[in-house]
């Protein structure tokens, strides 16, 4: 079997396939990264803004539930109380909410950049297929997620055990403290557990990110035949393109040959090259090359010239330079003015004699 027809995906995905996968919402990203960093941002913001938030909420509750008189509980007064409490509460929580929101956006942007895949969020009936649903539940990806969950639970359990063990002497003496002090100690121990768990989870999330990118790259790999098919779709079939180039060349050569009868003189090498020159003093600043060729094309140019009584003059050096330096339809450079002028003068002299 020829190489590339085995169906094995051995080639890296092309930029076009990766872009198409991105449009469908398929990217190499870790779901652990956003959740871990959002939780970390929440815990850190509680550390910095916790005292401020506690004082503000305590003041809000004190102000709300301190009455100088008993009000009638109707709909209007209930809405007033809700407004009085909700607005200060939202303002109090705003620093932590802003930090969490900015962290979530930044983490997702760093993973995949800014892109909205409308195709990924559009409803599809195929997602309701129970057979495919069971396939996803018992797939290798689901097994990997199960293993990750077991590892996370194990890490949380071990960290909690060691932290509680280190604080055991403090916990056993809690009965000597007030309710407020007990709550404060429990909060400190909980915060210590949360920070240690999240730090470990950050490293696991970064490892998961690398694994997901590697797995995505493996899933997007292509066979040699797929790459050939994609190239044909984007760049065109090489055979067809070659045929088009051939037809374009033939059309160009045909147009060039149609200009030979309009030339004033054909300069030859004498056998290998032929360059047809034309000069119209009313419309041209300098003589132009209207046709040129080598080998068979040169012979054809000379034959057309003789058929139309156009002088064919041998000038090896001039023919070689014009062939190499001047494109078809372009005027000759100034360095050839003298040589071409002498040539044209000779041609005009021959025409006057005739």
C-alpha atoms as a PDB file:
ATOM      1  CA  UNK A   1       0.000   0.000   0.000  1.00  0.00           C
ATOM      2  CA  UNK A   2       1.445   3.410  -0.923  1.00  0.00           C
ATOM      3  CA  UNK A   3       2.665   5.660   1.859  1.00  0.00           C
ATOM      4  CA  UNK A   4      -0.017   8.034   3.141  1.00  0.00           C
ATOM      5  CA  UNK A   5      -2.922   5.703   2.263  1.00  0.00           C
ATOM      6  CA  UNK A   6      -2.814   3.683   5.494  1.00  0.00           C
ATOM      7  CA  UNK A   7      -5.217   6.084   7.227  1.00  0.00           C
ATOM      8  CA  UNK A   8      -2.808   6.699  10.108  1.00  0.00           C
ATOM      9  CA  UNK A   9      -2.882  10.263  11.402  1.00  0.00           C
ATOM     10  CA  UNK A  10       0.833  10.964  11.505  1.00  0.00           C
ATOM     11  CA  UNK A  11       0.911  14.618  10.361  1.00  0.00           C
ATOM     12  CA  UNK A  12       0.487  17.795  12.393  1.00  0.00           C
ATOM     13  CA  UNK A  13      -2.796  19.623  11.864  1.00  0.00           C
ATOM     14  CA  UNK A  14      -2.691  22.394   9.288  1.00  0.00           C
ATOM     15  CA  UNK A  15      -3.568  26.013  10.237  1.00  0.00           C
ATOM     16  CA  UNK A  16      -6.782  25.697   8.227  1.00  0.00           C
ATOM     17  CA  UNK A  17      -7.969  22.667  10.212  1.00  0.00           C
ATOM     18  CA  UNK A  18      -7.066  24.317  13.522  1.00  0.00           C
ATOM     19  CA  UNK A  19      -8.979  27.442  12.511  1.00  0.00           C
ATOM     20  CA  UNK A  20     -11.992  25.339  11.516  1.00  0.00           C
ATOM     21  CA  UNK A  21     -11.859  23.491  14.847  1.00  0.00           C
ATOM     22  CA  UNK A  22     -11.684  26.848  16.646  1.00  0.00           C
ATOM     23  CA  UNK A  23     -14.788  28.028  14.778  1.00  0.00           C
ATOM     24  CA  UNK A  24     -16.574  24.920  16.073  1.00  0.00           C
ATOM     25  CA  UNK A  25     -15.459  25.695  19.634  1.00  0.00           C
ATOM     26  CA  UNK A  26     -12.780  22.986  19.765  1.00  0.00           C
ATOM     27  CA  UNK A  27      -9.626  24.314  21.398  1.00  0.00           C
ATOM     28  CA  UNK A  28      -6.942  22.945  23.666  1.00  0.00           C
ATOM     29  CA  UNK A  29      -8.053  24.271  27.020  1.00  0.00           C
ATOM     30  CA  UNK A  30      -8.345  23.065  30.600  1.00  0.00           C
ATOM     31  CA  UNK A  31     -11.558  23.435  32.576  1.00  0.00           C
ATOM     32  CA  UNK A  32      -9.505  23.190  35.765  1.00  0.00           C
ATOM     33  CA  UNK A  33      -7.643  26.445  35.131  1.00  0.00           C
ATOM     34  CA  UNK A  34     -10.652  28.837  35.366  1.00  0.00           C
ATOM     35  CA  UNK A  35     -12.250  27.093  38.354  1.00  0.00           C
ATOM     36  CA  UNK A  36      -9.025  26.944  40.385  1.00  0.00           C
ATOM     37  CA  UNK A  37      -7.930  30.510  39.654  1.00  0.00           C
ATOM     38  CA  UNK A  38     -11.435  31.893  40.282  1.00  0.00           C
ATOM     39  CA  UNK A  39     -11.536  30.156  43.671  1.00  0.00           C
ATOM     40  CA  UNK A  40      -8.019  31.392  44.423  1.00  0.00           C
ATOM     41  CA  UNK A  41      -9.034  34.948  43.524  1.00  0.00           C
ATOM     42  CA  UNK A  42     -12.079  34.663  45.818  1.00  0.00           C
ATOM     43  CA  UNK A  43     -10.016  33.381  48.745  1.00  0.00           C
ATOM     44  CA  UNK A  44      -7.305  36.031  48.256  1.00  0.00           C
ATOM     45  CA  UNK A  45      -9.889  38.817  47.985  1.00  0.00           C
ATOM     46  CA  UNK A  46     -11.495  37.582  51.211  1.00  0.00           C
ATOM     47  CA  UNK A  47      -8.085  37.832  52.883  1.00  0.00           C
ATOM     48  CA  UNK A  48      -7.614  41.457  51.793  1.00  0.00           C
ATOM     49  CA  UNK A  49     -11.238  42.682  51.953  1.00  0.00           C
ATOM     50  CA  UNK A  50     -12.649  40.347  54.618  1.00  0.00           C
ATOM     51  CA  UNK A  51     -12.314  42.809  57.521  1.00  0.00           C
ATOM     52  CA  UNK A  52     -13.813  45.631  55.442  1.00  0.00           C
ATOM     53  CA  UNK A  53     -16.708  43.436  54.287  1.00  0.00           C
ATOM     54  CA  UNK A  54     -17.387  42.187  57.835  1.00  0.00           C
ATOM     55  CA  UNK A  55     -17.599  45.712  59.242  1.00  0.00           C
ATOM     56  CA  UNK A  56     -19.805  46.967  56.419  1.00  0.00           C
ATOM     57  CA  UNK A  57     -22.212  44.019  56.617  1.00  0.00           C
ATOM     58  CA  UNK A  58     -22.432  44.271  60.394  1.00  0.00           C
ATOM     59  CA  UNK A  59     -23.249  47.978  60.047  1.00  0.00           C
ATOM     60  CA  UNK A  60     -25.881  47.235  57.392  1.00  0.00           C
ATOM     61  CA  UNK A  61     -27.562  44.580  59.546  1.00  0.00           C
ATOM     62  CA  UNK A  62     -27.452  46.799  62.630  1.00  0.00           C
ATOM     63  CA  UNK A  63     -28.948  49.727  60.742  1.00  0.00           C
ATOM     64  CA  UNK A  64     -31.632  47.590  59.085  1.00  0.00           C
ATOM     65  CA  UNK A  65     -32.857  45.820  62.202  1.00  0.00           C
ATOM     66  CA  UNK A  66     -32.718  48.797  64.558  1.00  0.00           C
ATOM     67  CA  UNK A  67     -36.201  50.298  64.820  1.00  0.00           C
ATOM     68  CA  UNK A  68     -37.231  53.494  66.507  1.00  0.00           C
ATOM     69  CA  UNK A  69     -40.812  52.356  66.023  1.00  0.00           C
ATOM     70  CA  UNK A  70     -42.624  49.271  64.756  1.00  0.00           C
ATOM     71  CA  UNK A  71     -43.567  49.669  61.108  1.00  0.00           C
ATOM     72  CA  UNK A  72     -46.493  48.072  59.412  1.00  0.00           C
ATOM     73  CA  UNK A  73     -45.215  45.208  57.225  1.00  0.00           C
ATOM     74  CA  UNK A  74     -46.790  45.887  53.867  1.00  0.00           C
ATOM     75  CA  UNK A  75     -45.515  45.471  50.313  1.00  0.00           C
ATOM     76  CA  UNK A  76     -44.192  49.023  50.094  1.00  0.00           C
ATOM     77  CA  UNK A  77     -42.197  48.797  53.338  1.00  0.00           C
ATOM     78  CA  UNK A  78     -40.887  45.312  52.432  1.00  0.00           C
ATOM     79  CA  UNK A  79     -39.583  46.603  49.093  1.00  0.00           C
ATOM     80  CA  UNK A  80     -37.992  49.541  50.922  1.00  0.00           C
ATOM     81  CA  UNK A  81     -36.180  47.172  53.308  1.00  0.00           C
ATOM     82  CA  UNK A  82     -34.953  45.013  50.439  1.00  0.00           C
ATOM     83  CA  UNK A  83     -33.599  48.076  48.660  1.00  0.00           C
ATOM     84  CA  UNK A  84     -31.984  49.393  51.825  1.00  0.00           C
ATOM     85  CA  UNK A  85     -30.185  46.072  52.340  1.00  0.00           C
ATOM     86  CA  UNK A  86     -29.415  44.941  48.799  1.00  0.00           C
ATOM     87  CA  UNK A  87     -27.712  48.089  47.545  1.00  0.00           C
ATOM     88  CA  UNK A  88     -25.138  48.318  50.409  1.00  0.00           C
ATOM     89  CA  UNK A  89     -24.592  44.546  50.272  1.00  0.00           C
ATOM     90  CA  UNK A  90     -23.796  44.702  46.547  1.00  0.00           C
ATOM     91  CA  UNK A  91     -21.422  47.617  47.077  1.00  0.00           C
ATOM     92  CA  UNK A  92     -19.745  45.677  49.893  1.00  0.00           C
ATOM     93  CA  UNK A  93     -19.301  42.569  47.754  1.00  0.00           C
ATOM     94  CA  UNK A  94     -18.212  44.561  44.688  1.00  0.00           C
ATOM     95  CA  UNK A  95     -14.395  44.344  45.309  1.00  0.00           C
ATOM     96  CA  UNK A  96     -14.474  40.552  45.622  1.00  0.00           C
ATOM     97  CA  UNK A  97     -16.886  40.143  42.677  1.00  0.00           C
ATOM     98  CA  UNK A  98     -14.743  42.394  40.483  1.00  0.00           C
ATOM     99  CA  UNK A  99     -11.575  40.468  41.341  1.00  0.00           C
ATOM    100  CA  UNK A 100     -13.242  37.117  40.602  1.00  0.00           C
ATOM    101  CA  UNK A 101     -14.772  38.400  37.341  1.00  0.00           C
ATOM    102  CA  UNK A 102     -11.513  39.902  36.069  1.00  0.00           C
ATOM    103  CA  UNK A 103      -9.623  36.713  36.974  1.00  0.00           C
ATOM    104  CA  UNK A 104     -12.132  34.529  35.083  1.00  0.00           C
ATOM    105  CA  UNK A 105     -11.872  36.697  31.955  1.00  0.00           C
ATOM    106  CA  UNK A 106      -8.062  36.927  32.110  1.00  0.00           C
ATOM    107  CA  UNK A 107      -7.554  33.179  32.598  1.00  0.00           C
ATOM    108  CA  UNK A 108      -9.831  32.236  29.693  1.00  0.00           C
ATOM    109  CA  UNK A 109      -8.250  34.885  27.468  1.00  0.00           C
ATOM    110  CA  UNK A 110      -4.745  33.592  28.224  1.00  0.00           C
ATOM    111  CA  UNK A 111      -5.840  30.051  27.363  1.00  0.00           C
ATOM    112  CA  UNK A 112      -7.615  30.562  24.034  1.00  0.00           C
ATOM    113  CA  UNK A 113      -7.617  34.301  23.277  1.00  0.00           C
ATOM    114  CA  UNK A 114     -10.714  36.329  22.524  1.00  0.00           C
ATOM    115  CA  UNK A 115     -13.064  34.416  20.248  1.00  0.00           C
ATOM    116  CA  UNK A 116     -16.806  33.691  20.349  1.00  0.00           C
ATOM    117  CA  UNK A 117     -17.810  30.456  18.652  1.00  0.00           C
ATOM    118  CA  UNK A 118     -21.457  30.847  17.680  1.00  0.00           C
ATOM    119  CA  UNK A 119     -21.492  27.355  16.216  1.00  0.00           C
ATOM    120  CA  UNK A 120     -20.494  25.845  19.558  1.00  0.00           C
ATOM    121  CA  UNK A 121     -23.297  27.567  21.486  1.00  0.00           C
ATOM    122  CA  UNK A 122     -25.993  27.084  18.856  1.00  0.00           C
ATOM    123  CA  UNK A 123     -28.576  24.375  19.743  1.00  0.00           C
ATOM    124  CA  UNK A 124     -28.113  21.037  17.995  1.00  0.00           C
ATOM    125  CA  UNK A 125     -30.493  18.078  18.048  1.00  0.00           C
ATOM    126  CA  UNK A 126     -27.515  15.706  17.816  1.00  0.00           C
ATOM    127  CA  UNK A 127     -26.615  16.675  21.395  1.00  0.00           C
ATOM    128  CA  UNK A 128     -29.878  15.033  22.549  1.00  0.00           C
ATOM    129  CA  UNK A 129     -28.932  11.676  21.038  1.00  0.00           C
ATOM    130  CA  UNK A 130     -28.971   9.185  23.990  1.00  0.00           C
ATOM    131  CA  UNK A 131     -26.539   6.798  22.272  1.00  0.00           C
ATOM    132  CA  UNK A 132     -23.949   9.536  21.833  1.00  0.00           C
ATOM    133  CA  UNK A 133     -24.664  10.653  25.396  1.00  0.00           C
ATOM    134  CA  UNK A 134     -23.840   7.193  26.763  1.00  0.00           C
ATOM    135  CA  UNK A 135     -20.770   7.189  24.535  1.00  0.00           C
ATOM    136  CA  UNK A 136     -19.560  10.402  26.149  1.00  0.00           C
ATOM    137  CA  UNK A 137     -20.250   9.046  29.651  1.00  0.00           C
ATOM    138  CA  UNK A 138     -18.149   5.919  29.071  1.00  0.00           C
ATOM    139  CA  UNK A 139     -15.478   7.521  26.873  1.00  0.00           C
ATOM    140  CA  UNK A 140     -11.772   7.809  27.615  1.00  0.00           C
ATOM    141  CA  UNK A 141     -12.262  11.521  28.360  1.00  0.00           C
ATOM    142  CA  UNK A 142     -14.837  10.654  31.041  1.00  0.00           C
ATOM    143  CA  UNK A 143     -12.412   8.125  32.542  1.00  0.00           C
ATOM    144  CA  UNK A 144      -9.682  10.784  32.682  1.00  0.00           C
ATOM    145  CA  UNK A 145     -12.087  13.197  34.394  1.00  0.00           C
ATOM    146  CA  UNK A 146     -12.948  10.490  36.952  1.00  0.00           C
ATOM    147  CA  UNK A 147      -9.268   9.921  37.707  1.00  0.00           C
ATOM    148  CA  UNK A 148      -8.744  13.679  38.069  1.00  0.00           C
ATOM    149  CA  UNK A 149     -11.678  13.921  40.496  1.00  0.00           C
ATOM    150  CA  UNK A 150     -10.298  11.068  42.618  1.00  0.00           C
ATOM    151  CA  UNK A 151      -6.878  12.760  42.711  1.00  0.00           C
ATOM    152  CA  UNK A 152      -8.431  16.086  43.746  1.00  0.00           C
ATOM    153  CA  UNK A 153     -10.514  14.490  46.511  1.00  0.00           C
ATOM    154  CA  UNK A 154      -7.430  12.632  47.760  1.00  0.00           C
ATOM    155  CA  UNK A 155      -5.344  15.833  47.804  1.00  0.00           C
ATOM    156  CA  UNK A 156      -8.048  17.790  49.643  1.00  0.00           C
ATOM    157  CA  UNK A 157      -8.414  14.998  52.173  1.00  0.00           C
ATOM    158  CA  UNK A 158      -4.667  14.720  52.833  1.00  0.00           C
ATOM    159  CA  UNK A 159      -4.160  18.476  53.164  1.00  0.00           C
ATOM    160  CA  UNK A 160      -7.168  18.776  55.492  1.00  0.00           C
ATOM    161  CA  UNK A 161      -5.857  15.913  57.615  1.00  0.00           C
ATOM    162  CA  UNK A 162      -2.367  17.356  58.031  1.00  0.00           C
ATOM    163  CA  UNK A 163      -3.607  20.905  58.724  1.00  0.00           C
ATOM    164  CA  UNK A 164      -6.137  19.720  61.319  1.00  0.00           C
ATOM    165  CA  UNK A 165      -3.465  17.489  62.855  1.00  0.00           C
ATOM    166  CA  UNK A 166      -1.091  20.466  63.174  1.00  0.00           C
ATOM    167  CA  UNK A 167      -3.868  22.552  64.780  1.00  0.00           C
ATOM    168  CA  UNK A 168      -5.191  19.749  66.986  1.00  0.00           C
ATOM    169  CA  UNK A 169      -3.868  21.244  70.232  1.00  0.00           C
ATOM    170  CA  UNK A 170      -5.631  24.547  69.450  1.00  0.00           C
ATOM    171  CA  UNK A 171      -8.879  22.760  68.539  1.00  0.00           C
ATOM    172  CA  UNK A 172      -8.874  20.776  71.795  1.00  0.00           C
ATOM    173  CA  UNK A 173      -8.701  24.021  73.822  1.00  0.00           C
ATOM    174  CA  UNK A 174     -11.622  25.716  72.028  1.00  0.00           C
ATOM    175  CA  UNK A 175     -13.943  25.197  75.001  1.00  0.00           C
ATOM    176  CA  UNK A 176     -12.003  27.882  76.889  1.00  0.00           C
ATOM    177  CA  UNK A 177     -12.861  30.535  74.255  1.00  0.00           C
ATOM    178  CA  UNK A 178     -15.933  32.571  73.485  1.00  0.00           C
ATOM    179  CA  UNK A 179     -18.204  31.828  70.506  1.00  0.00           C
ATOM    180  CA  UNK A 180     -16.645  34.695  68.520  1.00  0.00           C
ATOM    181  CA  UNK A 181     -13.110  33.441  69.180  1.00  0.00           C
ATOM    182  CA  UNK A 182     -14.104  29.871  68.268  1.00  0.00           C
ATOM    183  CA  UNK A 183     -15.547  31.070  64.959  1.00  0.00           C
ATOM    184  CA  UNK A 184     -12.403  33.098  64.269  1.00  0.00           C
ATOM    185  CA  UNK A 185     -10.127  30.107  64.916  1.00  0.00           C
ATOM    186  CA  UNK A 186     -12.273  27.884  62.680  1.00  0.00           C
ATOM    187  CA  UNK A 187     -12.123  30.505  59.930  1.00  0.00           C
ATOM    188  CA  UNK A 188      -8.322  30.721  60.205  1.00  0.00           C
ATOM    189  CA  UNK A 189      -7.957  26.938  59.987  1.00  0.00           C
ATOM    190  CA  UNK A 190     -10.386  26.797  57.043  1.00  0.00           C
ATOM    191  CA  UNK A 191      -8.485  29.576  55.279  1.00  0.00           C
ATOM    192  CA  UNK A 192      -5.191  27.744  55.815  1.00  0.00           C
ATOM    193  CA  UNK A 193      -6.693  24.568  54.330  1.00  0.00           C
ATOM    194  CA  UNK A 194      -8.165  26.460  51.364  1.00  0.00           C
ATOM    195  CA  UNK A 195      -4.889  28.222  50.512  1.00  0.00           C
ATOM    196  CA  UNK A 196      -2.838  25.030  50.628  1.00  0.00           C
ATOM    197  CA  UNK A 197      -5.394  23.095  48.578  1.00  0.00           C
ATOM    198  CA  UNK A 198      -5.611  25.829  45.941  1.00  0.00           C
ATOM    199  CA  UNK A 199      -1.831  26.168  45.615  1.00  0.00           C
ATOM    200  CA  UNK A 200      -1.535  22.441  44.928  1.00  0.00           C
ATOM    201  CA  UNK A 201      -4.528  22.608  42.589  1.00  0.00           C
ATOM    202  CA  UNK A 202      -2.866  25.415  40.600  1.00  0.00           C
ATOM    203  CA  UNK A 203       0.037  23.114  39.747  1.00  0.00           C
ATOM    204  CA  UNK A 204      -2.378  20.310  38.868  1.00  0.00           C
ATOM    205  CA  UNK A 205      -4.389  22.693  36.668  1.00  0.00           C
ATOM    206  CA  UNK A 206      -1.255  23.821  34.827  1.00  0.00           C
ATOM    207  CA  UNK A 207      -0.316  20.183  34.272  1.00  0.00           C
ATOM    208  CA  UNK A 208      -3.856  19.504  33.033  1.00  0.00           C
ATOM    209  CA  UNK A 209      -3.579  22.472  30.636  1.00  0.00           C
ATOM    210  CA  UNK A 210      -0.431  21.012  29.095  1.00  0.00           C
ATOM    211  CA  UNK A 211      -2.070  17.592  28.869  1.00  0.00           C
ATOM    212  CA  UNK A 212      -5.230  19.007  27.227  1.00  0.00           C
ATOM    213  CA  UNK A 213      -3.217  20.934  24.641  1.00  0.00           C
ATOM    214  CA  UNK A 214      -1.195  17.803  23.844  1.00  0.00           C
ATOM    215  CA  UNK A 215      -4.367  15.687  23.627  1.00  0.00           C
ATOM    216  CA  UNK A 216      -6.055  18.278  21.389  1.00  0.00           C
ATOM    217  CA  UNK A 217      -3.023  18.316  19.081  1.00  0.00           C
ATOM    218  CA  UNK A 218      -3.163  14.503  18.881  1.00  0.00           C
ATOM    219  CA  UNK A 219      -6.888  14.535  18.111  1.00  0.00           C
ATOM    220  CA  UNK A 220      -6.386  17.095  15.320  1.00  0.00           C
ATOM    221  CA  UNK A 221      -3.598  15.174  13.586  1.00  0.00           C
ATOM    222  CA  UNK A 222      -4.188  14.393   9.909  1.00  0.00           C
ATOM    223  CA  UNK A 223      -3.339  11.710   7.411  1.00  0.00           C
ATOM    224  CA  UNK A 224      -1.202  12.530   4.376  1.00  0.00           C
ATOM    225  CA  UNK A 225      -4.273  12.065   2.184  1.00  0.00           C
ATOM    226  CA  UNK A 226      -6.270  14.573   4.241  1.00  0.00           C
ATOM    227  CA  UNK A 227      -3.508  17.136   3.797  1.00  0.00           C
ATOM    228  CA  UNK A 228      -3.488  16.524   0.038  1.00  0.00           C
ATOM    229  CA  UNK A 229      -7.281  16.872  -0.130  1.00  0.00           C
ATOM    230  CA  UNK A 230      -7.184  20.091   1.884  1.00  0.00           C
ATOM    231  CA  UNK A 231      -4.478  21.496  -0.375  1.00  0.00           C
ATOM    232  CA  UNK A 232      -6.628  20.706  -3.411  1.00  0.00           C
ATOM    233  CA  UNK A 233      -9.600  22.482  -1.829  1.00  0.00           C
ATOM    234  CA  UNK A 234      -7.648  25.589  -0.865  1.00  0.00           C
ATOM    235  CA  UNK A 235      -4.982  25.883  -3.549  1.00  0.00           C
ATOM    236  CA  UNK A 236      -6.574  23.830  -6.329  1.00  0.00           C
ATOM    237  CA  UNK A 237      -5.610  20.548  -7.944  1.00  0.00           C
ATOM    238  CA  UNK A 238      -1.928  20.746  -9.081  1.00  0.00           C
ATOM    239  CA  UNK A 239      -2.831  19.047 -12.395  1.00  0.00           C
ATOM    240  CA  UNK A 240      -5.601  21.544 -13.058  1.00  0.00           C
ATOM    241  CA  UNK A 241      -3.370  24.455 -12.077  1.00  0.00           C
ATOM    242  CA  UNK A 242      -0.645  23.182 -14.386  1.00  0.00           C
ATOM    243  CA  UNK A 243      -3.152  22.948 -17.233  1.00  0.00           C
ATOM    244  CA  UNK A 244      -4.392  26.486 -16.527  1.00  0.00           C
ATOM    245  CA  UNK A 245      -0.810  27.801 -16.547  1.00  0.00           C
ATOM    246  CA  UNK A 246      -0.210  26.003 -19.822  1.00  0.00           C
ATOM    247  CA  UNK A 247      -3.318  27.546 -21.395  1.00  0.00           C
ATOM    248  CA  UNK A 248      -2.363  30.973 -20.087  1.00  0.00           C
ATOM    249  CA  UNK A 249       1.117  30.596 -21.554  1.00  0.00           C
ATOM    250  CA  UNK A 250      -0.300  29.531 -24.909  1.00  0.00           C
ATOM    251  CA  UNK A 251      -2.701  32.485 -24.955  1.00  0.00           C
ATOM    252  CA  UNK A 252       0.114  34.846 -24.031  1.00  0.00           C
ATOM    253  CA  UNK A 253       2.358  33.436 -26.775  1.00  0.00           C
ATOM    254  CA  UNK A 254      -0.464  33.705 -29.289  1.00  0.00           C
ATOM    255  CA  UNK A 255      -1.000  37.373 -28.415  1.00  0.00           C
ATOM    256  CA  UNK A 256       2.741  37.942 -28.700  1.00  0.00           C
ATOM    257  CA  UNK A 257       2.855  36.357 -32.154  1.00  0.00           C
ATOM    258  CA  UNK A 258      -0.017  38.608 -33.249  1.00  0.00           C
ATOM    259  CA  UNK A 259       2.198  41.614 -32.486  1.00  0.00           C
ATOM    260  CA  UNK A 260       5.105  40.437 -34.649  1.00  0.00           C
ATOM    261  CA  UNK A 261       3.554  41.673 -37.967  1.00  0.00           C
ATOM    262  CA  UNK A 262       3.349  45.164 -36.415  1.00  0.00           C
ATOM    263  CA  UNK A 263       7.066  45.270 -35.590  1.00  0.00           C
ATOM    264  CA  UNK A 264       9.638  47.379 -37.469  1.00  0.00           C
ATOM    265  CA  UNK A 265      12.561  44.974 -37.171  1.00  0.00           C
ATOM    266  CA  UNK A 266      13.520  41.592 -35.703  1.00  0.00           C
ATOM    267  CA  UNK A 267      16.970  41.290 -34.118  1.00  0.00           C
ATOM    268  CA  UNK A 268      18.450  37.772 -34.035  1.00  0.00           C
ATOM    269  CA  UNK A 269      21.294  35.901 -32.371  1.00  0.00           C
ATOM    270  CA  UNK A 270      21.304  34.623 -35.293  1.00  0.00           C
ATOM    271  CA  UNK A 271      19.832  31.154 -34.594  1.00  0.00           C
ATOM    272  CA  UNK A 272      18.841  30.875 -30.931  1.00  0.00           C
ATOM    273  CA  UNK A 273      17.211  34.221 -30.104  1.00  0.00           C
ATOM    274  CA  UNK A 274      14.837  36.641 -31.788  1.00  0.00           C
ATOM    275  CA  UNK A 275      13.591  40.019 -30.496  1.00  0.00           C
ATOM    276  CA  UNK A 276      10.933  42.039 -32.363  1.00  0.00           C
ATOM    277  CA  UNK A 277      11.112  45.841 -31.955  1.00  0.00           C
ATOM    278  CA  UNK A 278       8.539  48.496 -32.739  1.00  0.00           C
ATOM    279  CA  UNK A 279       8.799  52.302 -32.671  1.00  0.00           C
ATOM    280  CA  UNK A 280       6.070  54.887 -33.146  1.00  0.00           C
ATOM    281  CA  UNK A 281       7.481  58.388 -32.756  1.00  0.00           C
ATOM    282  CA  UNK A 282       4.007  59.857 -32.158  1.00  0.00           C
ATOM    283  CA  UNK A 283       2.949  57.488 -29.335  1.00  0.00           C
ATOM    284  CA  UNK A 284       6.193  56.102 -27.883  1.00  0.00           C
ATOM    285  CA  UNK A 285       9.064  57.717 -26.037  1.00  0.00           C
ATOM    286  CA  UNK A 286      11.386  54.872 -27.013  1.00  0.00           C
ATOM    287  CA  UNK A 287      11.271  51.657 -29.060  1.00  0.00           C
ATOM    288  CA  UNK A 288       9.446  48.728 -27.409  1.00  0.00           C
ATOM    289  CA  UNK A 289       9.973  44.973 -27.405  1.00  0.00           C
ATOM    290  CA  UNK A 290       6.715  43.507 -28.778  1.00  0.00           C
ATOM    291  CA  UNK A 291       7.876  39.872 -28.944  1.00  0.00           C
ATOM    292  CA  UNK A 292      10.865  37.742 -28.026  1.00  0.00           C
ATOM    293  CA  UNK A 293      11.725  34.097 -27.787  1.00  0.00           C
ATOM    294  CA  UNK A 294      14.351  31.403 -27.919  1.00  0.00           C
ATOM    295  CA  UNK A 295      14.652  28.191 -29.894  1.00  0.00           C
ATOM    296  CA  UNK A 296      11.393  27.164 -31.593  1.00  0.00           C
ATOM    297  CA  UNK A 297       9.667  30.426 -30.613  1.00  0.00           C
ATOM    298  CA  UNK A 298      12.533  32.428 -32.120  1.00  0.00           C
ATOM    299  CA  UNK A 299      12.186  30.502 -35.365  1.00  0.00           C
ATOM    300  CA  UNK A 300       8.462  31.187 -35.381  1.00  0.00           C
ATOM    301  CA  UNK A 301       9.023  34.924 -34.837  1.00  0.00           C
ATOM    302  CA  UNK A 302      11.493  35.047 -37.740  1.00  0.00           C
ATOM    303  CA  UNK A 303       9.109  33.111 -39.991  1.00  0.00           C
ATOM    304  CA  UNK A 304       6.214  35.497 -39.283  1.00  0.00           C
ATOM    305  CA  UNK A 305       8.529  38.456 -39.852  1.00  0.00           C
ATOM    306  CA  UNK A 306       9.598  37.164 -43.272  1.00  0.00           C
ATOM    307  CA  UNK A 307       5.968  36.459 -44.205  1.00  0.00           C
ATOM    308  CA  UNK A 308       5.125  40.106 -43.467  1.00  0.00           C
ATOM    309  CA  UNK A 309       8.269  41.579 -45.098  1.00  0.00           C
ATOM    310  CA  UNK A 310       9.744  42.698 -41.778  1.00  0.00           C
ATOM    311  CA  UNK A 311      13.580  42.942 -41.842  1.00  0.00           C
ATOM    312  CA  UNK A 312      15.362  40.244 -39.841  1.00  0.00           C
ATOM    313  CA  UNK A 313      18.808  41.565 -38.880  1.00  0.00           C
ATOM    314  CA  UNK A 314      21.571  39.684 -37.105  1.00  0.00           C
ATOM    315  CA  UNK A 315      23.126  41.471 -34.128  1.00  0.00           C
ATOM    316  CA  UNK A 316      24.262  38.882 -31.628  1.00  0.00           C
ATOM    317  CA  UNK A 317      25.254  41.205 -28.759  1.00  0.00           C
ATOM    318  CA  UNK A 318      22.173  43.444 -29.016  1.00  0.00           C
ATOM    319  CA  UNK A 319      19.786  40.479 -29.331  1.00  0.00           C
ATOM    320  CA  UNK A 320      21.230  38.787 -26.214  1.00  0.00           C
ATOM    321  CA  UNK A 321      21.013  41.952 -24.077  1.00  0.00           C
ATOM    322  CA  UNK A 322      17.495  42.850 -25.188  1.00  0.00           C
ATOM    323  CA  UNK A 323      16.311  39.269 -24.574  1.00  0.00           C
ATOM    324  CA  UNK A 324      17.750  39.187 -21.032  1.00  0.00           C
ATOM    325  CA  UNK A 325      16.983  42.731 -19.856  1.00  0.00           C
ATOM    326  CA  UNK A 326      13.747  43.908 -21.497  1.00  0.00           C
ATOM    327  CA  UNK A 327      10.331  42.344 -20.934  1.00  0.00           C
ATOM    328  CA  UNK A 328       7.667  42.105 -23.612  1.00  0.00           C
ATOM    329  CA  UNK A 329       5.693  45.360 -23.906  1.00  0.00           C
ATOM    330  CA  UNK A 330       8.443  47.423 -22.196  1.00  0.00           C
ATOM    331  CA  UNK A 331      10.545  50.204 -23.661  1.00  0.00           C
ATOM    332  CA  UNK A 332      14.256  49.642 -24.159  1.00  0.00           C
ATOM    333  CA  UNK A 333      16.641  51.227 -21.603  1.00  0.00           C
ATOM    334  CA  UNK A 334      18.564  54.376 -22.549  1.00  0.00           C
ATOM    335  CA  UNK A 335      21.824  52.438 -22.886  1.00  0.00           C
ATOM    336  CA  UNK A 336      20.438  50.769 -26.052  1.00  0.00           C
ATOM    337  CA  UNK A 337      19.139  53.943 -27.713  1.00  0.00           C
ATOM    338  CA  UNK A 338      22.176  54.415 -29.947  1.00  0.00           C
ATOM    339  CA  UNK A 339      22.394  50.794 -31.136  1.00  0.00           C
ATOM    340  CA  UNK A 340      18.643  50.538 -31.779  1.00  0.00           C
ATOM    341  CA  UNK A 341      18.545  53.964 -33.457  1.00  0.00           C
ATOM    342  CA  UNK A 342      21.262  52.866 -35.897  1.00  0.00           C
ATOM    343  CA  UNK A 343      19.348  49.658 -36.527  1.00  0.00           C
ATOM    344  CA  UNK A 344      16.074  51.495 -37.204  1.00  0.00           C
ATOM    345  CA  UNK A 345      17.830  54.030 -39.429  1.00  0.00           C
ATOM    346  CA  UNK A 346      19.151  51.169 -41.488  1.00  0.00           C
ATOM    347  CA  UNK A 347      15.645  49.637 -41.694  1.00  0.00           C
ATOM    348  CA  UNK A 348      14.034  52.914 -42.723  1.00  0.00           C
ATOM    349  CA  UNK A 349      16.726  53.333 -45.377  1.00  0.00           C
ATOM    350  CA  UNK A 350      15.907  49.854 -46.760  1.00  0.00           C
ATOM    351  CA  UNK A 351      12.187  50.702 -46.814  1.00  0.00           C
ATOM    352  CA  UNK A 352      12.824  53.960 -48.744  1.00  0.00           C
ATOM    353  CA  UNK A 353      14.895  52.056 -51.333  1.00  0.00           C
ATOM    354  CA  UNK A 354      12.058  49.580 -51.777  1.00  0.00           C
END
